[in-house]
Amino acid sequence: MVELVFQNFICFMVSKNDIRNSGIFDFEVFPIEENIASLGSGNNQKNILVGLSDKNTPELAGFLEKVIASVGVDLDKDAFTVFLTEGQQFSVTSLSQQMDFDKAVFFGIKPSTAGLNLNVELYHPMKFANYTFLFTGALSEIQNKPALKRPLWEGLKGVFGN
């Protein structure tokens, strides 16, 4: 009888303390957008990812085209462009499995927002795991602050070799 009570107690304690049943795994720790490729556009013929954390306005899109064209890239033909909402999380690793790219320029997107644990200096290209990344300030900020256009130009030249 004592043995049966002890076994029941052990079974009760194991089921009560089982971490899988604790509720700790019932929420997303790092919520990410699973398929941001469906949010973007462009033919990506030169394997270039352009990500922006800005509203997609005609004025900003025109400015982006000029900026990217300055390094010999046709935004529609050569790159894949995705506009994200501010703070929208995604995974560069997951995205790289959906589409090919070897260069990525992020305007107003932090590395942690892209699922990367990197310390970067804005406007300075960084090579990491067969990719070249350039993280900059938001494109709308660059558009309105002429002092940021020079560092952007230097960073873009570093990425695209112009």
N, C-alpha and C. Protein backbone atom coordinates (compact mmCIF):
# COMPACT_ATOMS: atom_id res chain seq x y z
N MET A 1 0.81 -1.19 0.00
CA MET A 1 0.00 0.00 0.00
C MET A 1 0.86 1.27 0.00
N VAL A 2 1.89 1.29 0.87
CA VAL A 2 2.79 2.43 0.93
C VAL A 2 3.49 2.62 -0.41
N GLU A 3 3.88 1.51 -1.02
CA GLU A 3 4.57 1.59 -2.31
C GLU A 3 3.64 2.17 -3.38
N LEU A 4 2.38 1.80 -3.39
CA LEU A 4 1.41 2.32 -4.36
C LEU A 4 1.20 3.81 -4.17
N VAL A 5 1.07 4.26 -2.94
CA VAL A 5 0.92 5.68 -2.64
C VAL A 5 2.17 6.44 -3.10
N PHE A 6 3.32 5.88 -2.82
CA PHE A 6 4.58 6.52 -3.23
C PHE A 6 4.66 6.63 -4.75
N GLN A 7 4.30 5.58 -5.48
CA GLN A 7 4.31 5.61 -6.95
C GLN A 7 3.34 6.66 -7.48
N ASN A 8 2.15 6.73 -6.90
CA ASN A 8 1.17 7.74 -7.31
C ASN A 8 1.70 9.14 -7.05
N PHE A 9 2.36 9.32 -5.91
CA PHE A 9 2.94 10.62 -5.58
C PHE A 9 4.02 11.01 -6.60
N ILE A 10 4.88 10.07 -6.93
CA ILE A 10 5.95 10.32 -7.91
C ILE A 10 5.34 10.67 -9.26
N CYS A 11 4.35 9.91 -9.71
CA CYS A 11 3.69 10.19 -11.00
C CYS A 11 3.06 11.58 -10.98
N PHE A 12 2.42 11.93 -9.85
CA PHE A 12 1.79 13.24 -9.71
C PHE A 12 2.84 14.35 -9.80
N MET A 13 3.95 14.18 -9.09
CA MET A 13 5.00 15.20 -9.07
C MET A 13 5.65 15.35 -10.44
N VAL A 14 5.87 14.24 -11.12
CA VAL A 14 6.49 14.30 -12.45
C VAL A 14 5.56 15.03 -13.41
N SER A 15 4.27 14.69 -13.40
CA SER A 15 3.35 15.35 -14.33
C SER A 15 3.16 16.82 -13.95
N LYS A 16 3.16 17.14 -12.67
CA LYS A 16 3.01 18.52 -12.22
C LYS A 16 4.22 19.38 -12.58
N ASN A 17 5.41 18.79 -12.55
CA ASN A 17 6.64 19.53 -12.76
C ASN A 17 7.24 19.33 -14.15
N ASP A 18 6.52 18.73 -15.03
CA ASP A 18 7.00 18.52 -16.39
C ASP A 18 7.02 19.86 -17.13
N ILE A 19 8.19 20.30 -17.54
CA ILE A 19 8.33 21.61 -18.16
C ILE A 19 7.50 21.74 -19.44
N ARG A 20 7.28 20.61 -20.11
CA ARG A 20 6.48 20.66 -21.34
C ARG A 20 5.03 21.02 -21.06
N ASN A 21 4.57 20.77 -19.83
CA ASN A 21 3.19 21.08 -19.46
C ASN A 21 3.10 22.34 -18.62
N SER A 22 4.18 23.06 -18.48
CA SER A 22 4.21 24.19 -17.56
C SER A 22 3.59 25.47 -18.10
N GLY A 23 3.39 25.55 -19.41
CA GLY A 23 2.86 26.78 -19.98
C GLY A 23 3.94 27.76 -20.40
N ILE A 24 5.19 27.44 -20.12
CA ILE A 24 6.27 28.36 -20.46
C ILE A 24 6.47 28.45 -21.97
N PHE A 25 6.06 27.44 -22.71
CA PHE A 25 6.27 27.42 -24.16
C PHE A 25 5.01 27.81 -24.93
N ASP A 26 4.11 28.54 -24.31
CA ASP A 26 2.86 28.87 -24.98
C ASP A 26 2.86 30.24 -25.66
N PHE A 27 4.03 30.85 -25.84
CA PHE A 27 4.12 32.12 -26.53
C PHE A 27 5.41 32.17 -27.33
N GLU A 28 5.44 33.07 -28.30
CA GLU A 28 6.64 33.22 -29.13
C GLU A 28 7.64 34.10 -28.39
N VAL A 29 8.85 33.59 -28.22
CA VAL A 29 9.89 34.37 -27.55
C VAL A 29 10.40 35.45 -28.48
N PHE A 30 10.57 35.11 -29.74
CA PHE A 30 11.07 36.06 -30.74
C PHE A 30 10.13 35.98 -31.94
N PRO A 31 9.03 36.74 -31.91
CA PRO A 31 8.07 36.62 -33.00
C PRO A 31 8.67 37.11 -34.31
N ILE A 32 8.61 36.28 -35.34
CA ILE A 32 9.16 36.67 -36.63
C ILE A 32 8.11 36.50 -37.71
N GLU A 33 8.26 37.30 -38.72
CA GLU A 33 7.42 37.16 -39.90
C GLU A 33 7.98 36.00 -40.70
N GLU A 34 7.20 34.97 -40.86
CA GLU A 34 7.69 33.74 -41.49
C GLU A 34 8.00 33.90 -42.98
N ASN A 35 7.23 34.69 -43.69
CA ASN A 35 7.39 34.76 -45.14
C ASN A 35 7.41 36.20 -45.63
N ILE A 36 8.49 36.92 -45.34
CA ILE A 36 8.53 38.30 -45.81
C ILE A 36 8.78 38.37 -47.31
N ALA A 37 9.19 37.27 -47.91
CA ALA A 37 9.39 37.26 -49.36
C ALA A 37 8.09 37.60 -50.08
N SER A 38 6.96 37.25 -49.48
CA SER A 38 5.67 37.56 -50.11
C SER A 38 5.34 39.04 -50.02
N LEU A 39 6.06 39.79 -49.19
CA LEU A 39 5.80 41.22 -49.02
C LEU A 39 6.62 42.09 -49.97
N GLY A 40 7.57 41.50 -50.67
CA GLY A 40 8.51 42.28 -51.47
C GLY A 40 8.25 42.22 -52.96
N SER A 41 9.15 42.90 -53.68
CA SER A 41 9.05 42.92 -55.14
C SER A 41 10.43 43.04 -55.75
N GLY A 42 10.53 42.70 -57.01
CA GLY A 42 11.79 42.79 -57.75
C GLY A 42 12.21 41.42 -58.26
N ASN A 43 12.96 41.43 -59.36
CA ASN A 43 13.39 40.18 -60.00
C ASN A 43 14.65 39.57 -59.41
N ASN A 44 15.43 40.35 -58.66
CA ASN A 44 16.61 39.84 -57.94
C ASN A 44 17.64 39.16 -58.84
N GLN A 45 17.86 39.70 -60.03
CA GLN A 45 18.81 39.10 -60.96
C GLN A 45 20.26 39.15 -60.49
N LYS A 46 20.57 40.12 -59.62
CA LYS A 46 21.95 40.23 -59.11
C LYS A 46 22.06 39.83 -57.64
N ASN A 47 21.03 39.16 -57.14
CA ASN A 47 21.04 38.63 -55.77
C ASN A 47 21.30 39.70 -54.71
N ILE A 48 20.50 40.74 -54.75
CA ILE A 48 20.63 41.86 -53.81
C ILE A 48 19.32 42.01 -53.05
N LEU A 49 19.41 42.03 -51.74
CA LEU A 49 18.25 42.26 -50.88
C LEU A 49 18.30 43.70 -50.38
N VAL A 50 17.19 44.41 -50.51
CA VAL A 50 17.06 45.76 -49.97
C VAL A 50 15.87 45.74 -49.02
N GLY A 51 16.12 46.02 -47.75
CA GLY A 51 15.06 46.04 -46.75
C GLY A 51 14.94 47.42 -46.15
N LEU A 52 13.70 47.85 -45.98
CA LEU A 52 13.44 49.18 -45.44
C LEU A 52 12.40 49.13 -44.34
N SER A 53 12.62 49.91 -43.31
CA SER A 53 11.64 50.07 -42.25
C SER A 53 11.07 51.48 -42.39
N ASP A 54 10.28 51.67 -43.41
CA ASP A 54 9.67 52.97 -43.75
C ASP A 54 8.36 52.69 -44.44
N LYS A 55 7.53 53.70 -44.52
CA LYS A 55 6.31 53.57 -45.31
C LYS A 55 6.68 53.63 -46.79
N ASN A 56 6.03 52.84 -47.59
CA ASN A 56 6.30 52.80 -49.03
C ASN A 56 5.51 53.90 -49.72
N THR A 57 6.09 55.10 -49.73
CA THR A 57 5.45 56.23 -50.41
C THR A 57 6.10 56.40 -51.78
N PRO A 58 5.38 56.97 -52.74
CA PRO A 58 5.98 57.20 -54.06
C PRO A 58 7.26 58.06 -53.99
N GLU A 59 7.25 59.05 -53.13
CA GLU A 59 8.42 59.93 -52.99
C GLU A 59 9.63 59.16 -52.47
N LEU A 60 9.41 58.34 -51.45
CA LEU A 60 10.50 57.55 -50.89
C LEU A 60 10.97 56.47 -51.86
N ALA A 61 10.04 55.86 -52.57
CA ALA A 61 10.40 54.83 -53.56
C ALA A 61 11.25 55.44 -54.67
N GLY A 62 10.92 56.66 -55.10
CA GLY A 62 11.72 57.35 -56.11
C GLY A 62 13.12 57.66 -55.61
N PHE A 63 13.21 58.09 -54.36
CA PHE A 63 14.51 58.37 -53.76
C PHE A 63 15.34 57.09 -53.66
N LEU A 64 14.71 55.99 -53.25
CA LEU A 64 15.40 54.70 -53.16
C LEU A 64 15.93 54.27 -54.52
N GLU A 65 15.13 54.41 -55.56
CA GLU A 65 15.58 54.05 -56.91
C GLU A 65 16.82 54.84 -57.31
N LYS A 66 16.84 56.15 -57.01
CA LYS A 66 18.00 56.99 -57.34
C LYS A 66 19.23 56.56 -56.55
N VAL A 67 19.04 56.28 -55.27
CA VAL A 67 20.16 55.87 -54.41
C VAL A 67 20.77 54.57 -54.92
N ILE A 68 19.94 53.60 -55.21
CA ILE A 68 20.43 52.30 -55.65
C ILE A 68 21.01 52.39 -57.07
N ALA A 69 20.40 53.21 -57.91
CA ALA A 69 20.92 53.40 -59.27
C ALA A 69 22.30 54.04 -59.27
N SER A 70 22.61 54.80 -58.22
CA SER A 70 23.91 55.49 -58.15
C SER A 70 25.08 54.49 -58.11
N VAL A 71 24.81 53.24 -57.74
CA VAL A 71 25.85 52.22 -57.73
C VAL A 71 25.62 51.18 -58.83
N GLY A 72 24.86 51.57 -59.84
CA GLY A 72 24.69 50.73 -61.02
C GLY A 72 23.72 49.57 -60.85
N VAL A 73 22.77 49.71 -59.94
CA VAL A 73 21.81 48.65 -59.69
C VAL A 73 20.41 49.13 -60.08
N ASP A 74 19.74 48.35 -60.92
CA ASP A 74 18.35 48.62 -61.27
C ASP A 74 17.49 47.95 -60.21
N LEU A 75 16.79 48.75 -59.43
CA LEU A 75 16.05 48.23 -58.29
C LEU A 75 15.05 47.14 -58.68
N ASP A 76 14.29 47.34 -59.74
CA ASP A 76 13.27 46.36 -60.14
C ASP A 76 13.87 45.09 -60.73
N LYS A 77 14.91 45.24 -61.52
CA LYS A 77 15.51 44.11 -62.22
C LYS A 77 16.52 43.35 -61.37
N ASP A 78 17.40 44.08 -60.70
CA ASP A 78 18.58 43.48 -60.07
C ASP A 78 18.41 43.11 -58.60
N ALA A 79 17.40 43.67 -57.93
CA ALA A 79 17.28 43.50 -56.48
C ALA A 79 15.89 43.00 -56.10
N PHE A 80 15.79 42.58 -54.86
CA PHE A 80 14.50 42.26 -54.25
C PHE A 80 14.32 43.25 -53.11
N THR A 81 13.23 44.00 -53.12
CA THR A 81 13.00 45.05 -52.14
C THR A 81 11.79 44.71 -51.28
N VAL A 82 11.95 44.91 -49.97
CA VAL A 82 10.84 44.66 -49.06
C VAL A 82 10.73 45.82 -48.07
N PHE A 83 9.53 46.38 -47.99
CA PHE A 83 9.22 47.42 -47.01
C PHE A 83 8.58 46.74 -45.80
N LEU A 84 9.14 46.97 -44.63
CA LEU A 84 8.63 46.37 -43.39
C LEU A 84 8.06 47.46 -42.50
N THR A 85 7.17 47.06 -41.63
CA THR A 85 6.69 48.01 -40.64
C THR A 85 7.77 48.16 -39.57
N GLU A 86 7.76 49.26 -38.87
CA GLU A 86 8.79 49.52 -37.87
C GLU A 86 8.80 48.43 -36.82
N GLY A 87 9.98 47.85 -36.60
CA GLY A 87 10.15 46.81 -35.59
C GLY A 87 9.69 45.42 -36.01
N GLN A 88 9.24 45.26 -37.26
CA GLN A 88 8.78 43.95 -37.73
C GLN A 88 9.96 42.99 -37.77
N GLN A 89 9.86 41.90 -37.02
CA GLN A 89 10.94 40.93 -36.91
C GLN A 89 10.90 39.95 -38.09
N PHE A 90 12.08 39.57 -38.55
CA PHE A 90 12.18 38.53 -39.58
C PHE A 90 13.52 37.85 -39.44
N SER A 91 13.71 36.79 -40.18
CA SER A 91 14.95 36.04 -40.10
C SER A 91 15.65 36.06 -41.45
N VAL A 92 16.84 36.64 -41.49
CA VAL A 92 17.64 36.64 -42.71
C VAL A 92 17.95 35.20 -43.12
N THR A 93 18.18 34.35 -42.15
CA THR A 93 18.49 32.95 -42.45
C THR A 93 17.31 32.28 -43.17
N SER A 94 16.11 32.47 -42.65
CA SER A 94 14.92 31.89 -43.31
C SER A 94 14.72 32.49 -44.69
N LEU A 95 14.92 33.79 -44.79
CA LEU A 95 14.74 34.46 -46.08
C LEU A 95 15.76 33.96 -47.10
N SER A 96 16.98 33.69 -46.65
CA SER A 96 18.02 33.21 -47.57
C SER A 96 17.70 31.81 -48.09
N GLN A 97 16.88 31.07 -47.39
CA GLN A 97 16.45 29.76 -47.86
C GLN A 97 15.33 29.86 -48.89
N GLN A 98 14.63 30.99 -48.89
CA GLN A 98 13.54 31.21 -49.83
C GLN A 98 14.02 31.87 -51.12
N MET A 99 15.07 32.65 -51.02
CA MET A 99 15.57 33.38 -52.18
C MET A 99 17.08 33.57 -52.08
N ASP A 100 17.73 33.71 -53.21
CA ASP A 100 19.18 33.90 -53.22
C ASP A 100 19.52 35.37 -53.09
N PHE A 101 20.48 35.66 -52.23
CA PHE A 101 21.09 36.98 -52.18
C PHE A 101 22.45 36.84 -51.53
N ASP A 102 23.37 37.70 -51.95
CA ASP A 102 24.69 37.71 -51.32
C ASP A 102 25.04 39.09 -50.79
N LYS A 103 24.22 40.08 -51.14
CA LYS A 103 24.38 41.44 -50.62
C LYS A 103 23.04 41.88 -50.06
N ALA A 104 23.08 42.57 -48.93
CA ALA A 104 21.86 43.06 -48.31
C ALA A 104 22.10 44.47 -47.78
N VAL A 105 21.20 45.38 -48.14
CA VAL A 105 21.26 46.75 -47.64
C VAL A 105 19.98 46.97 -46.84
N PHE A 106 20.15 47.34 -45.58
CA PHE A 106 19.01 47.54 -44.69
C PHE A 106 18.94 49.01 -44.26
N PHE A 107 17.84 49.64 -44.59
CA PHE A 107 17.59 51.03 -44.21
C PHE A 107 16.67 51.05 -43.00
N GLY A 108 17.19 51.49 -41.85
CA GLY A 108 16.38 51.61 -40.65
C GLY A 108 16.04 50.29 -39.99
N ILE A 109 16.76 49.25 -40.32
CA ILE A 109 16.53 47.92 -39.74
C ILE A 109 17.76 47.53 -38.94
N LYS A 110 17.56 47.17 -37.68
CA LYS A 110 18.67 46.74 -36.83
C LYS A 110 19.00 45.28 -37.11
N PRO A 111 20.24 44.87 -36.88
CA PRO A 111 20.58 43.46 -37.07
C PRO A 111 19.68 42.52 -36.26
N SER A 112 19.36 42.89 -35.03
CA SER A 112 18.51 42.03 -34.19
C SER A 112 17.12 41.87 -34.79
N THR A 113 16.62 42.89 -35.48
CA THR A 113 15.32 42.81 -36.14
C THR A 113 15.36 41.81 -37.28
N ALA A 114 16.54 41.62 -37.87
CA ALA A 114 16.73 40.67 -38.97
C ALA A 114 17.17 39.29 -38.46
N GLY A 115 17.12 39.10 -37.15
CA GLY A 115 17.50 37.81 -36.58
C GLY A 115 18.99 37.58 -36.52
N LEU A 116 19.77 38.67 -36.57
CA LEU A 116 21.23 38.56 -36.54
C LEU A 116 21.77 39.11 -35.23
N ASN A 117 22.67 38.40 -34.62
CA ASN A 117 23.31 38.85 -33.40
C ASN A 117 24.67 39.43 -33.76
N LEU A 118 24.65 40.62 -34.35
CA LEU A 118 25.87 41.26 -34.82
C LEU A 118 25.98 42.67 -34.25
N ASN A 119 27.20 43.07 -33.94
CA ASN A 119 27.47 44.46 -33.62
C ASN A 119 27.97 45.12 -34.89
N VAL A 120 27.23 46.07 -35.39
CA VAL A 120 27.61 46.72 -36.63
C VAL A 120 27.73 48.22 -36.43
N GLU A 121 28.51 48.81 -37.28
CA GLU A 121 28.61 50.26 -37.32
C GLU A 121 27.80 50.70 -38.53
N LEU A 122 26.84 51.59 -38.30
CA LEU A 122 26.01 52.06 -39.40
C LEU A 122 26.86 52.64 -40.52
N TYR A 123 26.43 52.38 -41.74
CA TYR A 123 27.05 52.89 -42.96
C TYR A 123 28.40 52.25 -43.29
N HIS A 124 28.76 51.19 -42.57
CA HIS A 124 30.01 50.48 -42.85
C HIS A 124 29.69 49.05 -43.25
N PRO A 125 30.04 48.64 -44.46
CA PRO A 125 29.74 47.27 -44.91
C PRO A 125 30.40 46.24 -44.00
N MET A 126 29.72 45.12 -43.87
CA MET A 126 30.24 44.05 -43.03
C MET A 126 30.04 42.72 -43.76
N LYS A 127 31.12 41.95 -43.86
CA LYS A 127 31.02 40.61 -44.44
C LYS A 127 30.80 39.61 -43.31
N PHE A 128 29.80 38.75 -43.52
CA PHE A 128 29.48 37.74 -42.52
C PHE A 128 28.81 36.56 -43.21
N ALA A 129 29.38 35.38 -43.04
CA ALA A 129 28.81 34.13 -43.55
C ALA A 129 28.42 34.23 -45.03
N ASN A 130 29.35 34.59 -45.88
CA ASN A 130 29.15 34.68 -47.34
C ASN A 130 28.19 35.78 -47.78
N TYR A 131 27.86 36.69 -46.89
CA TYR A 131 26.99 37.82 -47.21
C TYR A 131 27.73 39.11 -46.93
N THR A 132 27.36 40.15 -47.66
CA THR A 132 27.83 41.49 -47.34
C THR A 132 26.61 42.29 -46.90
N PHE A 133 26.66 42.80 -45.68
CA PHE A 133 25.55 43.56 -45.12
C PHE A 133 25.93 45.03 -45.00
N LEU A 134 24.95 45.90 -45.23
CA LEU A 134 25.10 47.32 -44.95
C LEU A 134 23.85 47.75 -44.19
N PHE A 135 24.05 48.19 -42.96
CA PHE A 135 22.96 48.71 -42.14
C PHE A 135 23.10 50.22 -42.08
N THR A 136 22.01 50.92 -42.34
CA THR A 136 22.02 52.38 -42.34
C THR A 136 20.83 52.90 -41.54
N GLY A 137 20.76 54.20 -41.42
CA GLY A 137 19.59 54.82 -40.82
C GLY A 137 18.40 54.67 -41.75
N ALA A 138 17.24 55.07 -41.29
CA ALA A 138 16.03 54.99 -42.10
C ALA A 138 16.20 55.85 -43.36
N LEU A 139 15.69 55.37 -44.47
CA LEU A 139 15.83 56.10 -45.73
C LEU A 139 15.16 57.46 -45.66
N SER A 140 14.04 57.57 -44.98
CA SER A 140 13.36 58.87 -44.84
C SER A 140 14.24 59.86 -44.08
N GLU A 141 14.99 59.36 -43.11
CA GLU A 141 15.92 60.21 -42.36
C GLU A 141 17.07 60.67 -43.26
N ILE A 142 17.60 59.75 -44.04
CA ILE A 142 18.70 60.08 -44.96
C ILE A 142 18.23 61.10 -45.99
N GLN A 143 17.01 60.93 -46.47
CA GLN A 143 16.44 61.85 -47.46
C GLN A 143 16.35 63.27 -46.91
N ASN A 144 16.06 63.39 -45.63
CA ASN A 144 15.85 64.71 -45.02
C ASN A 144 17.09 65.30 -44.36
N LYS A 145 18.16 64.53 -44.25
CA LYS A 145 19.40 65.01 -43.63
C LYS A 145 20.56 64.84 -44.61
N PRO A 146 20.89 65.87 -45.34
CA PRO A 146 21.96 65.76 -46.33
C PRO A 146 23.29 65.25 -45.78
N ALA A 147 23.56 65.49 -44.51
CA ALA A 147 24.83 65.03 -43.92
C ALA A 147 24.93 63.51 -43.91
N LEU A 148 23.82 62.78 -44.00
CA LEU A 148 23.84 61.32 -43.99
C LEU A 148 24.04 60.72 -45.38
N LYS A 149 23.92 61.54 -46.41
CA LYS A 149 24.04 61.02 -47.78
C LYS A 149 25.47 60.60 -48.10
N ARG A 150 26.44 61.31 -47.59
CA ARG A 150 27.84 60.96 -47.84
C ARG A 150 28.21 59.61 -47.23
N PRO A 151 27.90 59.39 -45.93
CA PRO A 151 28.21 58.07 -45.36
C PRO A 151 27.47 56.94 -46.09
N LEU A 152 26.24 57.20 -46.53
CA LEU A 152 25.50 56.19 -47.29
C LEU A 152 26.22 55.88 -48.59
N TRP A 153 26.64 56.91 -49.30
CA TRP A 153 27.35 56.72 -50.56
C TRP A 153 28.61 55.89 -50.36
N GLU A 154 29.39 56.23 -49.33
CA GLU A 154 30.63 55.49 -49.04
C GLU A 154 30.32 54.02 -48.71
N GLY A 155 29.27 53.79 -47.93
CA GLY A 155 28.89 52.43 -47.59
C GLY A 155 28.45 51.63 -48.80
N LEU A 156 27.65 52.26 -49.65
CA LEU A 156 27.19 51.59 -50.88
C LEU A 156 28.36 51.25 -51.80
N LYS A 157 29.32 52.17 -51.89
CA LYS A 157 30.51 51.89 -52.73
C LYS A 157 31.26 50.69 -52.16
N GLY A 158 31.32 50.57 -50.84
CA GLY A 158 31.99 49.43 -50.21
C GLY A 158 31.28 48.11 -50.51
N VAL A 159 29.97 48.15 -50.60
CA VAL A 159 29.20 46.93 -50.88
C VAL A 159 29.29 46.55 -52.34
N PHE A 160 29.12 47.54 -53.23
CA PHE A 160 29.02 47.27 -54.66
C PHE A 160 30.29 47.52 -55.44
N GLY A 161 31.35 47.96 -54.76
CA GLY A 161 32.65 48.11 -55.41
C GLY A 161 32.74 49.23 -56.43
N ASN A 162 31.94 50.25 -56.30
CA ASN A 162 31.99 51.39 -57.26
C ASN A 162 32.83 52.51 -56.71
